[in-house]
């Protein structure tokens, strides 16, 4: 990955971090998940433009996420 880049497109986020583009789209439409910016969208429009995710924000989100080991229930 080019270290000079600051932003990634959803397809690149999926390729690098394994977060599916569909998951990112659902999170955007429901107002949660990773913060993103849209460039090239006309004012007051809800469609169009290029969606970008800040690499530093993604990295920080992965660092701050508390991971819990799955519970092994024995029957």
Protein backbone atom coordinates (compact mmCIF):
# COMPACT_ATOMS: atom_id res chain seq x y z
CA UNK A 1 0.00 0.00 0.00
CA UNK A 2 1.22 3.51 -0.81
CA UNK A 3 1.99 5.09 2.57
CA UNK A 4 1.45 8.61 1.22
CA UNK A 5 -2.29 8.03 0.84
CA UNK A 6 -4.60 9.25 3.57
CA UNK A 7 -7.94 7.84 2.33
CA UNK A 8 -9.24 4.54 0.94
CA UNK A 9 -12.26 3.69 -1.17
CA UNK A 10 -14.68 1.04 0.18
CA UNK A 11 -13.23 -1.61 -2.17
CA UNK A 12 -9.76 -0.94 -0.77
CA UNK A 13 -11.04 -1.09 2.82
CA UNK A 14 -12.50 -4.52 2.01
CA UNK A 15 -9.28 -5.72 0.39
CA UNK A 16 -6.98 -4.52 3.18
CA UNK A 17 -9.09 -4.86 6.33
CA UNK A 18 -11.64 -7.51 5.33
CA UNK A 19 -14.72 -5.35 5.98
CA UNK A 20 -17.19 -6.14 3.19
CA UNK A 21 -18.38 -3.26 1.01
CA UNK A 22 -21.98 -4.24 1.78
CA UNK A 23 -21.31 -3.94 5.50
CA UNK A 24 -19.78 -0.50 5.01
CA UNK A 25 -22.79 0.58 2.91
CA UNK A 26 -25.28 -0.62 5.54
CA UNK A 27 -23.37 1.18 8.27
CA UNK A 28 -23.34 4.41 6.23
CA UNK A 29 -27.05 4.24 5.47
CA UNK A 30 -27.97 3.57 9.12
CA UNK A 31 -25.63 6.21 10.53
CA UNK A 32 -23.06 4.12 12.40
CA UNK A 33 -19.72 2.45 11.76
CA UNK A 34 -16.54 4.00 10.45
CA UNK A 35 -16.66 7.74 9.69
CA UNK A 36 -16.40 8.60 6.00
CA UNK A 37 -16.24 11.59 3.69
CA UNK A 38 -17.94 12.10 0.34
CA UNK A 39 -16.30 14.16 -2.37
CA UNK A 40 -17.87 15.30 -5.61
CA UNK A 41 -21.47 15.18 -4.35
CA UNK A 42 -23.70 18.12 -5.18
CA UNK A 43 -25.07 20.03 -2.18
CA UNK A 44 -28.34 18.68 -0.76
CA UNK A 45 -28.07 15.44 -2.74
CA UNK A 46 -28.01 12.06 -1.05
CA UNK A 47 -26.55 10.10 -3.97
CA UNK A 48 -23.40 10.36 -6.02
CA UNK A 49 -19.85 11.29 -5.18
CA UNK A 50 -16.87 9.26 -4.07
CA UNK A 51 -16.91 7.73 -0.59
CA UNK A 52 -13.58 7.68 1.24
CA UNK A 53 -12.41 6.34 4.60
CA UNK A 54 -9.51 7.87 6.54
CA UNK A 55 -6.75 5.26 7.05
CA UNK A 56 -5.75 6.68 10.45
CA UNK A 57 -9.33 6.47 11.72
CA UNK A 58 -9.63 2.85 10.57
CA UNK A 59 -6.34 1.93 12.26
CA UNK A 60 -7.41 3.65 15.48
CA UNK A 61 -10.78 1.85 15.41
CA UNK A 62 -9.03 -1.50 15.14
CA UNK A 63 -6.66 -0.64 17.99
CA UNK A 64 -9.45 0.51 20.32
CA UNK A 65 -11.83 -2.39 19.66
CA UNK A 66 -12.12 -4.71 22.63
CA UNK A 67 -11.97 -8.25 21.37
CA UNK A 68 -13.65 -10.97 23.39
CA UNK A 69 -12.88 -14.64 23.04
CA UNK A 70 -15.92 -16.72 22.09
CA UNK A 71 -17.48 -18.80 24.84
CA UNK A 72 -17.29 -22.54 24.32
CA UNK A 73 -20.54 -23.97 25.64
CA UNK A 74 -20.38 -27.69 26.15
CA UNK A 75 -23.62 -29.62 25.91
